[in-house]
Amino acid sequence: MNIAHRIQTFRTELPSHVQLVAVSKTKPENQILEAYTAGQRIFAENKVQELIDKYEHLPKDIEWHYIGHLQRNKVKFIIPFVRLIHGVDSLRLLEKIEEEAQKCNRTVDCLLQIHIAKEDTKFGLDTNELAQLLESEIFKNLKNTRITGLMGMATYTDVETQIHAEFAELASIFKDAKEKYFALNDMFCELSMGMSGDYRIAVQHGSTLVRIGSSLFGGR
């Protein structure tokens, strides 16, 4: 099955409210163009330089998402064009994004990354840190940065009950944050969770963005 057929399969399978984010990291431009020709417009990268290179060479109506751990000193390079930053995991990073977005006179959408996995190697805020961020003066004074939802990654495991529990936890955190901090904000509506191995479980728990790489483009 080629890339175009895989994209069509996902479109058929995914509910209408769930967007397919094609994770194109490490993939050559010709494969991205194949997906683009098949109608895919949202692509995601996790390395700043690779994202910049692809942005410069590929069609300008692509909606680029950044899904990697973003270092503060590299924010300025992607702010002029990035559509959504999935992994804001600290107040200092949020402050830097706001600073660079103001310089570009852009409004940049971001998701706050929540740590739900049992693996220490994954980044993200815990619930106390999330509350501190959302109650901070920096957050309250944002003008060029818009928090549109949450993101999280489940533990890499074959134990589906654990994956279900972790995605359910993230969905609950999203619901609580929506009610307490974003009740009147319709833009806070995105829940980015689920990858090639666990997206079906994520969708069951309310995911609106699934990040799919290997199931579209094949393994590395």
N, C-alpha and C. Protein backbone atom coordinates (compact mmCIF):
# COMPACT_ATOMS: atom_id res chain seq x y z
N MET A 1 0.85 -1.20 0.00
CA MET A 1 0.00 0.00 0.00
C MET A 1 0.89 1.25 0.00
N ASN A 2 0.63 2.18 -0.91
CA ASN A 2 1.46 3.38 -0.97
C ASN A 2 0.95 4.45 0.00
N ILE A 3 1.67 5.58 0.05
CA ILE A 3 1.35 6.62 1.02
C ILE A 3 -0.06 7.17 0.79
N ALA A 4 -0.42 7.40 -0.46
CA ALA A 4 -1.74 7.95 -0.77
C ALA A 4 -2.86 7.04 -0.27
N HIS A 5 -2.69 5.73 -0.48
CA HIS A 5 -3.70 4.79 -0.01
C HIS A 5 -3.78 4.76 1.51
N ARG A 6 -2.62 4.87 2.16
CA ARG A 6 -2.62 4.89 3.63
C ARG A 6 -3.34 6.11 4.17
N ILE A 7 -3.12 7.26 3.54
CA ILE A 7 -3.80 8.48 3.96
C ILE A 7 -5.30 8.32 3.80
N GLN A 8 -5.72 7.77 2.69
CA GLN A 8 -7.15 7.57 2.47
C GLN A 8 -7.74 6.61 3.49
N THR A 9 -6.98 5.59 3.86
CA THR A 9 -7.44 4.64 4.87
C THR A 9 -7.65 5.33 6.21
N PHE A 10 -6.71 6.19 6.59
CA PHE A 10 -6.86 6.93 7.85
C PHE A 10 -8.07 7.87 7.79
N ARG A 11 -8.26 8.54 6.66
CA ARG A 11 -9.39 9.46 6.54
C ARG A 11 -10.71 8.72 6.68
N THR A 12 -10.75 7.52 6.17
CA THR A 12 -11.97 6.71 6.27
C THR A 12 -12.19 6.25 7.70
N GLU A 13 -11.10 5.90 8.38
CA GLU A 13 -11.20 5.33 9.72
C GLU A 13 -11.44 6.38 10.80
N LEU A 14 -10.76 7.52 10.70
CA LEU A 14 -10.82 8.52 11.78
C LEU A 14 -12.14 9.26 11.79
N PRO A 15 -12.68 9.54 12.97
CA PRO A 15 -13.89 10.37 13.04
C PRO A 15 -13.62 11.75 12.44
N SER A 16 -14.66 12.44 12.03
CA SER A 16 -14.50 13.71 11.32
C SER A 16 -13.83 14.78 12.17
N HIS A 17 -13.94 14.69 13.51
CA HIS A 17 -13.36 15.72 14.37
C HIS A 17 -11.89 15.47 14.69
N VAL A 18 -11.34 14.36 14.21
CA VAL A 18 -9.94 14.01 14.50
C VAL A 18 -9.08 14.34 13.28
N GLN A 19 -8.06 15.17 13.47
CA GLN A 19 -7.17 15.54 12.38
C GLN A 19 -5.94 14.63 12.34
N LEU A 20 -5.54 14.28 11.13
CA LEU A 20 -4.37 13.46 10.92
C LEU A 20 -3.14 14.36 10.79
N VAL A 21 -2.20 14.21 11.70
CA VAL A 21 -0.93 14.93 11.65
C VAL A 21 0.13 13.95 11.12
N ALA A 22 0.61 14.19 9.92
CA ALA A 22 1.60 13.30 9.31
C ALA A 22 2.98 13.64 9.84
N VAL A 23 3.56 12.73 10.61
CA VAL A 23 4.88 12.97 11.20
C VAL A 23 5.94 12.63 10.16
N SER A 24 6.52 13.68 9.60
CA SER A 24 7.43 13.53 8.46
C SER A 24 8.90 13.61 8.85
N LYS A 25 9.19 13.55 10.14
CA LYS A 25 10.58 13.63 10.59
C LYS A 25 11.39 12.50 9.95
N THR A 26 12.58 12.85 9.51
CA THR A 26 13.55 11.95 8.85
C THR A 26 13.12 11.51 7.45
N LYS A 27 11.91 11.90 7.02
CA LYS A 27 11.42 11.43 5.72
C LYS A 27 11.83 12.40 4.61
N PRO A 28 12.18 11.88 3.43
CA PRO A 28 12.61 12.74 2.32
C PRO A 28 11.44 13.55 1.77
N GLU A 29 11.79 14.62 1.09
CA GLU A 29 10.78 15.54 0.59
C GLU A 29 9.87 14.89 -0.45
N ASN A 30 10.38 13.93 -1.20
CA ASN A 30 9.52 13.29 -2.21
C ASN A 30 8.37 12.52 -1.56
N GLN A 31 8.61 11.93 -0.40
CA GLN A 31 7.53 11.23 0.30
C GLN A 31 6.51 12.21 0.86
N ILE A 32 6.99 13.35 1.34
CA ILE A 32 6.08 14.37 1.84
C ILE A 32 5.21 14.89 0.68
N LEU A 33 5.84 15.09 -0.46
CA LEU A 33 5.09 15.56 -1.63
C LEU A 33 4.06 14.53 -2.09
N GLU A 34 4.38 13.26 -1.94
CA GLU A 34 3.41 12.22 -2.29
C GLU A 34 2.19 12.32 -1.39
N ALA A 35 2.43 12.54 -0.09
CA ALA A 35 1.32 12.71 0.84
C ALA A 35 0.55 14.00 0.55
N TYR A 36 1.30 15.04 0.21
CA TYR A 36 0.69 16.33 -0.12
C TYR A 36 -0.22 16.21 -1.35
N THR A 37 0.25 15.51 -2.36
CA THR A 37 -0.53 15.32 -3.57
C THR A 37 -1.81 14.55 -3.29
N ALA A 38 -1.75 13.68 -2.26
CA ALA A 38 -2.93 12.91 -1.87
C ALA A 38 -3.88 13.72 -1.00
N GLY A 39 -3.53 15.00 -0.74
CA GLY A 39 -4.44 15.87 0.00
C GLY A 39 -4.04 16.18 1.42
N GLN A 40 -2.96 15.55 1.91
CA GLN A 40 -2.54 15.81 3.28
C GLN A 40 -1.89 17.20 3.37
N ARG A 41 -2.28 17.98 4.39
CA ARG A 41 -1.73 19.32 4.53
C ARG A 41 -1.04 19.56 5.87
N ILE A 42 -1.28 18.72 6.87
CA ILE A 42 -0.65 18.92 8.18
C ILE A 42 0.51 17.95 8.33
N PHE A 43 1.70 18.51 8.53
CA PHE A 43 2.91 17.71 8.72
C PHE A 43 3.63 18.17 9.98
N ALA A 44 4.37 17.26 10.61
CA ALA A 44 5.03 17.57 11.87
C ALA A 44 6.48 17.12 11.85
N GLU A 45 7.32 17.95 12.45
CA GLU A 45 8.75 17.67 12.57
C GLU A 45 9.18 17.83 14.02
N ASN A 46 10.31 17.20 14.36
CA ASN A 46 10.80 17.31 15.74
C ASN A 46 12.23 17.83 15.83
N LYS A 47 12.79 18.28 14.70
CA LYS A 47 14.11 18.91 14.69
C LYS A 47 13.98 20.26 14.00
N VAL A 48 14.51 21.30 14.64
CA VAL A 48 14.31 22.66 14.12
C VAL A 48 14.92 22.83 12.74
N GLN A 49 16.16 22.41 12.55
CA GLN A 49 16.81 22.64 11.26
C GLN A 49 16.12 21.86 10.14
N GLU A 50 15.72 20.65 10.43
CA GLU A 50 15.02 19.85 9.42
C GLU A 50 13.69 20.50 9.05
N LEU A 51 13.00 21.04 10.04
CA LEU A 51 11.74 21.73 9.78
C LEU A 51 11.97 22.95 8.89
N ILE A 52 12.98 23.73 9.20
CA ILE A 52 13.29 24.93 8.41
C ILE A 52 13.59 24.56 6.96
N ASP A 53 14.42 23.54 6.78
CA ASP A 53 14.79 23.12 5.42
C ASP A 53 13.56 22.70 4.62
N LYS A 54 12.70 21.92 5.24
CA LYS A 54 11.51 21.44 4.54
C LYS A 54 10.53 22.57 4.27
N TYR A 55 10.40 23.49 5.21
CA TYR A 55 9.53 24.65 4.99
C TYR A 55 10.00 25.44 3.77
N GLU A 56 11.29 25.60 3.63
CA GLU A 56 11.82 26.40 2.53
C GLU A 56 11.62 25.73 1.17
N HIS A 57 11.61 24.39 1.13
CA HIS A 57 11.58 23.68 -0.15
C HIS A 57 10.20 23.18 -0.56
N LEU A 58 9.28 23.12 0.37
CA LEU A 58 7.98 22.48 0.10
C LEU A 58 6.86 23.52 0.00
N PRO A 59 5.69 23.12 -0.52
CA PRO A 59 4.60 24.07 -0.75
C PRO A 59 4.25 24.89 0.50
N LYS A 60 3.95 26.15 0.28
CA LYS A 60 3.75 27.07 1.39
C LYS A 60 2.38 26.95 2.05
N ASP A 61 1.48 26.15 1.48
CA ASP A 61 0.20 25.97 2.17
C ASP A 61 0.22 24.77 3.11
N ILE A 62 1.41 24.18 3.31
CA ILE A 62 1.53 23.12 4.32
C ILE A 62 1.41 23.76 5.70
N GLU A 63 0.68 23.10 6.58
CA GLU A 63 0.54 23.54 7.96
C GLU A 63 1.55 22.77 8.80
N TRP A 64 2.62 23.45 9.21
CA TRP A 64 3.71 22.78 9.92
C TRP A 64 3.47 22.80 11.43
N HIS A 65 3.60 21.61 12.03
CA HIS A 65 3.53 21.48 13.48
C HIS A 65 4.92 21.09 14.00
N TYR A 66 5.25 21.57 15.19
CA TYR A 66 6.51 21.16 15.83
C TYR A 66 6.16 20.26 17.01
N ILE A 67 6.71 19.04 17.00
CA ILE A 67 6.33 18.06 18.02
C ILE A 67 7.49 17.63 18.91
N GLY A 68 8.68 18.16 18.67
CA GLY A 68 9.82 17.76 19.48
C GLY A 68 9.96 18.60 20.73
N HIS A 69 10.96 18.26 21.55
CA HIS A 69 11.29 19.07 22.71
C HIS A 69 11.99 20.33 22.20
N LEU A 70 11.36 21.47 22.37
CA LEU A 70 11.84 22.72 21.79
C LEU A 70 12.73 23.47 22.77
N GLN A 71 13.97 23.72 22.33
CA GLN A 71 14.90 24.49 23.15
C GLN A 71 14.63 25.99 22.97
N ARG A 72 14.76 26.73 24.05
CA ARG A 72 14.42 28.15 24.03
C ARG A 72 15.26 28.92 23.01
N ASN A 73 16.52 28.55 22.86
CA ASN A 73 17.39 29.30 21.95
C ASN A 73 17.10 29.02 20.47
N LYS A 74 16.18 28.10 20.20
CA LYS A 74 15.83 27.79 18.81
C LYS A 74 14.41 28.23 18.44
N VAL A 75 13.71 28.78 19.40
CA VAL A 75 12.33 29.20 19.16
C VAL A 75 12.24 30.18 18.01
N LYS A 76 13.14 31.15 17.99
CA LYS A 76 13.06 32.25 17.01
C LYS A 76 13.11 31.76 15.57
N PHE A 77 13.69 30.60 15.34
CA PHE A 77 13.85 30.11 13.96
C PHE A 77 12.56 29.57 13.35
N ILE A 78 11.64 29.12 14.18
CA ILE A 78 10.41 28.52 13.64
C ILE A 78 9.17 29.39 13.83
N ILE A 79 9.26 30.37 14.71
CA ILE A 79 8.09 31.21 15.01
C ILE A 79 7.53 31.91 13.77
N PRO A 80 8.35 32.33 12.80
CA PRO A 80 7.77 33.04 11.65
C PRO A 80 6.76 32.23 10.84
N PHE A 81 6.78 30.89 10.94
CA PHE A 81 5.91 30.11 10.07
C PHE A 81 5.21 28.94 10.73
N VAL A 82 5.64 28.48 11.89
CA VAL A 82 5.05 27.27 12.48
C VAL A 82 3.58 27.52 12.82
N ARG A 83 2.75 26.52 12.60
CA ARG A 83 1.31 26.66 12.85
C ARG A 83 0.92 26.26 14.27
N LEU A 84 1.52 25.17 14.78
CA LEU A 84 1.17 24.70 16.11
C LEU A 84 2.39 24.05 16.75
N ILE A 85 2.68 24.45 17.99
CA ILE A 85 3.75 23.85 18.78
C ILE A 85 3.09 22.91 19.79
N HIS A 86 3.37 21.62 19.66
CA HIS A 86 2.67 20.63 20.49
C HIS A 86 3.23 20.50 21.90
N GLY A 87 4.49 20.84 22.10
CA GLY A 87 5.12 20.41 23.34
C GLY A 87 5.62 21.51 24.25
N VAL A 88 4.77 22.46 24.63
CA VAL A 88 5.20 23.50 25.58
C VAL A 88 5.18 22.90 26.98
N ASP A 89 6.36 22.74 27.55
CA ASP A 89 6.47 22.01 28.81
C ASP A 89 7.05 22.83 29.96
N SER A 90 7.11 24.16 29.78
CA SER A 90 7.59 25.01 30.87
C SER A 90 7.12 26.44 30.67
N LEU A 91 7.03 27.16 31.76
CA LEU A 91 6.64 28.57 31.69
C LEU A 91 7.72 29.39 30.97
N ARG A 92 8.97 29.04 31.17
CA ARG A 92 10.05 29.76 30.51
C ARG A 92 9.98 29.61 28.99
N LEU A 93 9.64 28.43 28.52
CA LEU A 93 9.49 28.22 27.07
C LEU A 93 8.29 29.02 26.55
N LEU A 94 7.20 29.01 27.27
CA LEU A 94 6.02 29.77 26.87
C LEU A 94 6.35 31.26 26.78
N GLU A 95 7.10 31.75 27.75
CA GLU A 95 7.49 33.15 27.76
C GLU A 95 8.35 33.49 26.54
N LYS A 96 9.25 32.59 26.17
CA LYS A 96 10.10 32.81 25.00
C LYS A 96 9.29 32.80 23.72
N ILE A 97 8.36 31.89 23.59
CA ILE A 97 7.50 31.83 22.41
C ILE A 97 6.73 33.14 22.27
N GLU A 98 6.19 33.64 23.38
CA GLU A 98 5.46 34.91 23.36
C GLU A 98 6.37 36.06 22.90
N GLU A 99 7.57 36.09 23.41
CA GLU A 99 8.52 37.14 23.04
C GLU A 99 8.82 37.13 21.54
N GLU A 100 9.08 35.95 21.00
CA GLU A 100 9.42 35.85 19.57
C GLU A 100 8.19 36.07 18.69
N ALA A 101 7.03 35.64 19.15
CA ALA A 101 5.80 35.85 18.37
C ALA A 101 5.47 37.34 18.28
N GLN A 102 5.73 38.07 19.34
CA GLN A 102 5.51 39.52 19.32
C GLN A 102 6.42 40.18 18.29
N LYS A 103 7.67 39.73 18.22
CA LYS A 103 8.62 40.29 17.26
C LYS A 103 8.13 40.08 15.82
N CYS A 104 7.49 38.94 15.59
CA CYS A 104 7.01 38.60 14.24
C CYS A 104 5.59 39.11 13.98
N ASN A 105 4.98 39.70 15.01
CA ASN A 105 3.60 40.17 14.90
C ASN A 105 2.67 39.04 14.46
N ARG A 106 2.88 37.88 15.05
CA ARG A 106 2.05 36.70 14.77
C ARG A 106 1.39 36.21 16.04
N THR A 107 0.29 35.49 15.88
CA THR A 107 -0.29 34.73 16.98
C THR A 107 0.02 33.26 16.74
N VAL A 108 0.72 32.65 17.68
CA VAL A 108 1.17 31.27 17.53
C VAL A 108 0.38 30.37 18.47
N ASP A 109 -0.21 29.33 17.92
CA ASP A 109 -0.96 28.37 18.73
C ASP A 109 -0.03 27.35 19.36
N CYS A 110 -0.32 27.00 20.61
CA CYS A 110 0.51 26.05 21.35
C CYS A 110 -0.36 25.09 22.16
N LEU A 111 0.18 23.91 22.38
CA LEU A 111 -0.41 22.94 23.29
C LEU A 111 0.51 22.77 24.48
N LEU A 112 -0.04 22.64 25.66
CA LEU A 112 0.76 22.38 26.85
C LEU A 112 0.95 20.87 26.99
N GLN A 113 2.21 20.45 27.13
CA GLN A 113 2.51 19.02 27.21
C GLN A 113 2.40 18.54 28.65
N ILE A 114 1.63 17.48 28.84
CA ILE A 114 1.41 16.90 30.16
C ILE A 114 2.12 15.55 30.24
N HIS A 115 2.81 15.32 31.34
CA HIS A 115 3.52 14.05 31.53
C HIS A 115 2.56 13.02 32.10
N ILE A 116 2.21 12.03 31.29
CA ILE A 116 1.29 10.98 31.74
C ILE A 116 1.93 9.61 31.73
N ALA A 117 3.08 9.48 31.07
CA ALA A 117 3.72 8.17 30.93
C ALA A 117 4.47 7.78 32.20
N LYS A 118 4.76 6.50 32.30
CA LYS A 118 5.54 6.00 33.43
C LYS A 118 7.03 6.03 33.12
N GLU A 119 7.38 6.66 32.00
CA GLU A 119 8.78 6.76 31.59
C GLU A 119 9.32 8.15 31.92
N ASP A 120 10.45 8.20 32.61
CA ASP A 120 11.04 9.48 32.99
C ASP A 120 11.63 10.22 31.80
N THR A 121 11.83 9.51 30.69
CA THR A 121 12.48 10.12 29.54
C THR A 121 11.56 11.09 28.80
N LYS A 122 10.27 11.02 29.04
CA LYS A 122 9.33 11.90 28.36
C LYS A 122 9.17 13.21 29.14
N PHE A 123 8.98 14.29 28.40
CA PHE A 123 8.85 15.61 29.00
C PHE A 123 7.39 15.88 29.33
N GLY A 124 7.16 16.96 30.07
CA GLY A 124 5.79 17.38 30.32
C GLY A 124 5.57 17.91 31.73
N LEU A 125 4.48 18.63 31.87
CA LEU A 125 4.08 19.21 33.15
C LEU A 125 3.27 18.20 33.96
N ASP A 126 3.40 18.26 35.30
CA ASP A 126 2.45 17.53 36.11
C ASP A 126 1.28 18.47 36.42
N THR A 127 0.28 17.99 37.11
CA THR A 127 -0.93 18.80 37.30
C THR A 127 -0.66 20.05 38.13
N ASN A 128 0.24 19.96 39.10
CA ASN A 128 0.58 21.14 39.90
C ASN A 128 1.28 22.19 39.05
N GLU A 129 2.21 21.75 38.22
CA GLU A 129 2.92 22.68 37.34
C GLU A 129 1.98 23.29 36.31
N LEU A 130 1.02 22.51 35.83
CA LEU A 130 0.03 23.03 34.89
C LEU A 130 -0.78 24.15 35.55
N ALA A 131 -1.22 23.93 36.78
CA ALA A 131 -2.00 24.95 37.48
C ALA A 131 -1.16 26.20 37.71
N GLN A 132 0.09 26.03 38.11
CA GLN A 132 0.97 27.18 38.33
C GLN A 132 1.14 27.99 37.05
N LEU A 133 1.30 27.30 35.92
CA LEU A 133 1.46 27.99 34.65
C LEU A 133 0.19 28.77 34.30
N LEU A 134 -0.96 28.12 34.42
CA LEU A 134 -2.21 28.75 34.01
C LEU A 134 -2.65 29.86 34.95
N GLU A 135 -2.08 29.89 36.14
CA GLU A 135 -2.41 30.95 37.10
C GLU A 135 -1.33 32.03 37.17
N SER A 136 -0.31 31.91 36.31
CA SER A 136 0.80 32.86 36.33
C SER A 136 0.43 34.16 35.62
N GLU A 137 1.14 35.22 35.97
CA GLU A 137 0.93 36.50 35.31
C GLU A 137 1.38 36.44 33.85
N ILE A 138 2.41 35.64 33.59
CA ILE A 138 2.89 35.49 32.21
C ILE A 138 1.78 34.94 31.32
N PHE A 139 1.10 33.89 31.79
CA PHE A 139 0.00 33.31 31.01
C PHE A 139 -1.14 34.32 30.84
N LYS A 140 -1.49 34.99 31.91
CA LYS A 140 -2.61 35.93 31.87
C LYS A 140 -2.36 37.10 30.92
N ASN A 141 -1.08 37.40 30.68
CA ASN A 141 -0.74 38.56 29.84
C ASN A 141 -0.33 38.18 28.42
N LEU A 142 -0.55 36.93 28.03
CA LEU A 142 -0.20 36.52 26.68
C LEU A 142 -1.02 37.30 25.65
N LYS A 143 -0.34 37.78 24.63
CA LYS A 143 -1.03 38.50 23.56
C LYS A 143 -0.81 37.85 22.19
N ASN A 144 0.34 37.23 22.01
CA ASN A 144 0.68 36.65 20.71
C ASN A 144 0.82 35.13 20.76
N THR A 145 0.48 34.54 21.88
CA THR A 145 0.53 33.08 22.03
C THR A 145 -0.83 32.61 22.53
N ARG A 146 -1.36 31.59 21.87
CA ARG A 146 -2.70 31.11 22.21
C ARG A 146 -2.61 29.63 22.58
N ILE A 147 -3.04 29.32 23.81
CA ILE A 147 -3.06 27.92 24.25
C ILE A 147 -4.37 27.30 23.76
N THR A 148 -4.24 26.31 22.87
CA THR A 148 -5.44 25.73 22.26
C THR A 148 -5.74 24.31 22.73
N GLY A 149 -4.94 23.81 23.68
CA GLY A 149 -5.22 22.47 24.19
C GLY A 149 -4.03 21.86 24.89
N LEU A 150 -4.09 20.54 25.04
CA LEU A 150 -3.05 19.77 25.73
C LEU A 150 -2.51 18.67 24.83
N MET A 151 -1.32 18.21 25.17
CA MET A 151 -0.70 17.10 24.45
C MET A 151 -0.05 16.16 25.46
N GLY A 152 -0.03 14.87 25.13
CA GLY A 152 0.65 13.91 25.98
C GLY A 152 0.98 12.64 25.23
N MET A 153 1.98 11.92 25.74
CA MET A 153 2.39 10.64 25.15
C MET A 153 2.28 9.55 26.19
N ALA A 154 1.64 8.46 25.80
CA ALA A 154 1.51 7.32 26.70
C ALA A 154 2.83 6.55 26.76
N THR A 155 2.94 5.72 27.76
CA THR A 155 4.10 4.84 27.90
C THR A 155 4.20 3.92 26.69
N TYR A 156 5.41 3.68 26.24
CA TYR A 156 5.64 2.75 25.13
C TYR A 156 5.55 1.33 25.69
N THR A 157 4.39 0.73 25.54
CA THR A 157 4.15 -0.59 26.12
C THR A 157 3.08 -1.31 25.32
N ASP A 158 3.07 -2.64 25.43
CA ASP A 158 2.02 -3.44 24.81
C ASP A 158 0.83 -3.65 25.74
N VAL A 159 0.93 -3.13 26.96
CA VAL A 159 -0.14 -3.31 27.95
C VAL A 159 -1.22 -2.26 27.69
N GLU A 160 -2.26 -2.67 26.99
CA GLU A 160 -3.28 -1.71 26.57
C GLU A 160 -4.03 -1.09 27.74
N THR A 161 -4.19 -1.84 28.84
CA THR A 161 -4.89 -1.26 29.98
C THR A 161 -4.14 -0.05 30.52
N GLN A 162 -2.82 -0.09 30.47
CA GLN A 162 -2.02 1.04 30.92
C GLN A 162 -2.18 2.24 29.99
N ILE A 163 -2.17 1.96 28.69
CA ILE A 163 -2.35 3.04 27.71
C ILE A 163 -3.73 3.68 27.88
N HIS A 164 -4.75 2.85 28.05
CA HIS A 164 -6.10 3.37 28.29
C HIS A 164 -6.11 4.29 29.51
N ALA A 165 -5.47 3.84 30.59
CA ALA A 165 -5.46 4.61 31.83
C ALA A 165 -4.76 5.95 31.65
N GLU A 166 -3.67 5.94 30.92
CA GLU A 166 -2.91 7.18 30.75
C GLU A 166 -3.64 8.17 29.85
N PHE A 167 -4.25 7.70 28.80
CA PHE A 167 -5.03 8.60 27.94
C PHE A 167 -6.28 9.10 28.67
N ALA A 168 -6.89 8.25 29.48
CA ALA A 168 -8.04 8.67 30.27
C ALA A 168 -7.64 9.76 31.26
N GLU A 169 -6.46 9.62 31.82
CA GLU A 169 -5.95 10.63 32.75
C GLU A 169 -5.77 11.97 32.04
N LEU A 170 -5.18 11.95 30.84
CA LEU A 170 -4.97 13.18 30.09
C LEU A 170 -6.31 13.82 29.71
N ALA A 171 -7.26 13.00 29.31
CA ALA A 171 -8.58 13.53 28.97
C ALA A 171 -9.24 14.18 30.18
N SER A 172 -9.03 13.62 31.35
CA SER A 172 -9.59 14.18 32.58
C SER A 172 -8.91 15.51 32.92
N ILE A 173 -7.60 15.57 32.74
CA ILE A 173 -6.87 16.82 32.99
C ILE A 173 -7.34 17.90 32.03
N PHE A 174 -7.55 17.52 30.76
CA PHE A 174 -8.06 18.46 29.77
C PHE A 174 -9.43 19.00 30.20
N LYS A 175 -10.32 18.11 30.60
CA LYS A 175 -11.67 18.50 31.01
C LYS A 175 -11.62 19.47 32.19
N ASP A 176 -10.78 19.16 33.18
CA ASP A 176 -10.67 20.02 34.35
C ASP A 176 -10.11 21.40 33.98
N ALA A 177 -9.08 21.42 33.12
CA ALA A 177 -8.49 22.69 32.70
C ALA A 177 -9.49 23.52 31.91
N LYS A 178 -10.25 22.85 31.06
CA LYS A 178 -11.27 23.54 30.27
C LYS A 178 -12.29 24.21 31.19
N GLU A 179 -12.76 23.48 32.18
CA GLU A 179 -13.79 24.01 33.07
C GLU A 179 -13.26 25.13 33.96
N LYS A 180 -12.02 25.01 34.41
CA LYS A 180 -11.49 25.97 35.38
C LYS A 180 -10.87 27.20 34.73
N TYR A 181 -10.20 27.01 33.59
CA TYR A 181 -9.42 28.11 33.03
C TYR A 181 -9.88 28.58 31.65
N PHE A 182 -10.62 27.74 30.93
CA PHE A 182 -10.95 28.06 29.54
C PHE A 182 -12.44 27.91 29.24
N ALA A 183 -13.27 28.04 30.24
CA ALA A 183 -14.70 27.77 30.07
C ALA A 183 -15.33 28.65 28.98
N LEU A 184 -14.83 29.86 28.84
CA LEU A 184 -15.40 30.78 27.86
C LEU A 184 -14.52 30.91 26.62
N ASN A 185 -13.56 30.02 26.48
CA ASN A 185 -12.60 30.09 25.37
C ASN A 185 -12.79 28.90 24.45
N ASP A 186 -13.45 29.12 23.33
CA ASP A 186 -13.71 28.03 22.38
C ASP A 186 -12.45 27.54 21.68
N MET A 187 -11.37 28.33 21.72
CA MET A 187 -10.13 27.93 21.05
C MET A 187 -9.42 26.81 21.81
N PHE A 188 -9.72 26.65 23.08
CA PHE A 188 -9.12 25.56 23.85
C PHE A 188 -9.93 24.31 23.59
N CYS A 189 -9.54 23.57 22.54
CA CYS A 189 -10.37 22.46 22.09
C CYS A 189 -9.57 21.26 21.60
N GLU A 190 -8.25 21.37 21.59
CA GLU A 190 -7.43 20.31 20.99
C GLU A 190 -6.81 19.40 22.06
N LEU A 191 -6.84 18.12 21.78
CA LEU A 191 -6.21 17.12 22.63
C LEU A 191 -5.35 16.24 21.73
N SER A 192 -4.05 16.50 21.75
CA SER A 192 -3.12 15.79 20.88
C SER A 192 -2.57 14.57 21.61
N MET A 193 -3.08 13.42 21.25
CA MET A 193 -2.57 12.18 21.84
C MET A 193 -2.85 11.03 20.87
N GLY A 194 -1.91 10.11 20.85
CA GLY A 194 -2.03 8.97 19.96
C GLY A 194 -1.05 9.02 18.82
N MET A 195 -0.33 7.91 18.65
CA MET A 195 0.63 7.76 17.55
C MET A 195 0.32 6.46 16.83
N SER A 196 1.20 6.03 15.95
CA SER A 196 0.91 4.87 15.12
C SER A 196 0.47 3.64 15.92
N GLY A 197 1.09 3.43 17.06
CA GLY A 197 0.82 2.22 17.82
C GLY A 197 -0.38 2.28 18.75
N ASP A 198 -0.85 3.51 19.05
CA ASP A 198 -1.91 3.61 20.05
C ASP A 198 -3.00 4.63 19.71
N TYR A 199 -3.05 5.07 18.45
CA TYR A 199 -4.00 6.15 18.11
C TYR A 199 -5.45 5.71 18.26
N ARG A 200 -5.75 4.43 18.03
CA ARG A 200 -7.14 3.98 18.16
C ARG A 200 -7.62 4.13 19.61
N ILE A 201 -6.74 3.82 20.56
CA ILE A 201 -7.09 4.00 21.97
C ILE A 201 -7.24 5.48 22.28
N ALA A 202 -6.34 6.30 21.74
CA ALA A 202 -6.40 7.74 21.99
C ALA A 202 -7.71 8.33 21.50
N VAL A 203 -8.15 7.90 20.33
CA VAL A 203 -9.41 8.41 19.77
C VAL A 203 -10.58 8.06 20.68
N GLN A 204 -10.54 6.87 21.26
CA GLN A 204 -11.60 6.46 22.19
C GLN A 204 -11.70 7.41 23.38
N HIS A 205 -10.57 8.02 23.73
CA HIS A 205 -10.53 8.90 24.91
C HIS A 205 -10.59 10.38 24.55
N GLY A 206 -10.94 10.70 23.30
CA GLY A 206 -11.20 12.08 22.96
C GLY A 206 -10.13 12.83 22.21
N SER A 207 -9.14 12.13 21.69
CA SER A 207 -8.10 12.81 20.92
C SER A 207 -8.69 13.54 19.72
N THR A 208 -8.15 14.73 19.43
CA THR A 208 -8.56 15.47 18.23
C THR A 208 -7.42 15.59 17.23
N LEU A 209 -6.21 15.22 17.65
CA LEU A 209 -5.04 15.24 16.77
C LEU A 209 -4.25 13.96 16.99
N VAL A 210 -4.08 13.14 15.96
CA VAL A 210 -3.25 11.94 16.08
C VAL A 210 -2.00 12.14 15.25
N ARG A 211 -0.85 11.82 15.84
CA ARG A 211 0.44 12.06 15.21
C ARG A 211 0.95 10.72 14.62
N ILE A 212 0.86 10.60 13.31
CA ILE A 212 1.14 9.31 12.68
C ILE A 212 2.35 9.42 11.76
N GLY A 213 3.35 8.59 12.03
CA GLY A 213 4.55 8.58 11.21
C GLY A 213 4.76 7.27 10.48
N SER A 214 5.16 6.24 11.21
CA SER A 214 5.52 4.98 10.56
C SER A 214 4.35 4.32 9.85
N SER A 215 3.13 4.49 10.34
CA SER A 215 1.99 3.87 9.67
C SER A 215 1.65 4.55 8.34
N LEU A 216 2.18 5.75 8.14
CA LEU A 216 2.00 6.44 6.85
C LEU A 216 3.20 6.25 5.93
N PHE A 217 4.37 6.49 6.49
CA PHE A 217 5.58 6.53 5.66
C PHE A 217 6.44 5.27 5.75
N GLY A 218 6.10 4.37 6.65
CA GLY A 218 6.93 3.20 6.87
C GLY A 218 8.01 3.49 7.90
N GLY A 219 8.71 2.46 8.32
CA GLY A 219 9.75 2.62 9.34
C GLY A 219 10.96 3.35 8.78
N ARG A 220 11.86 3.69 9.70
CA ARG A 220 13.04 4.44 9.29
C ARG A 220 13.97 3.57 8.43
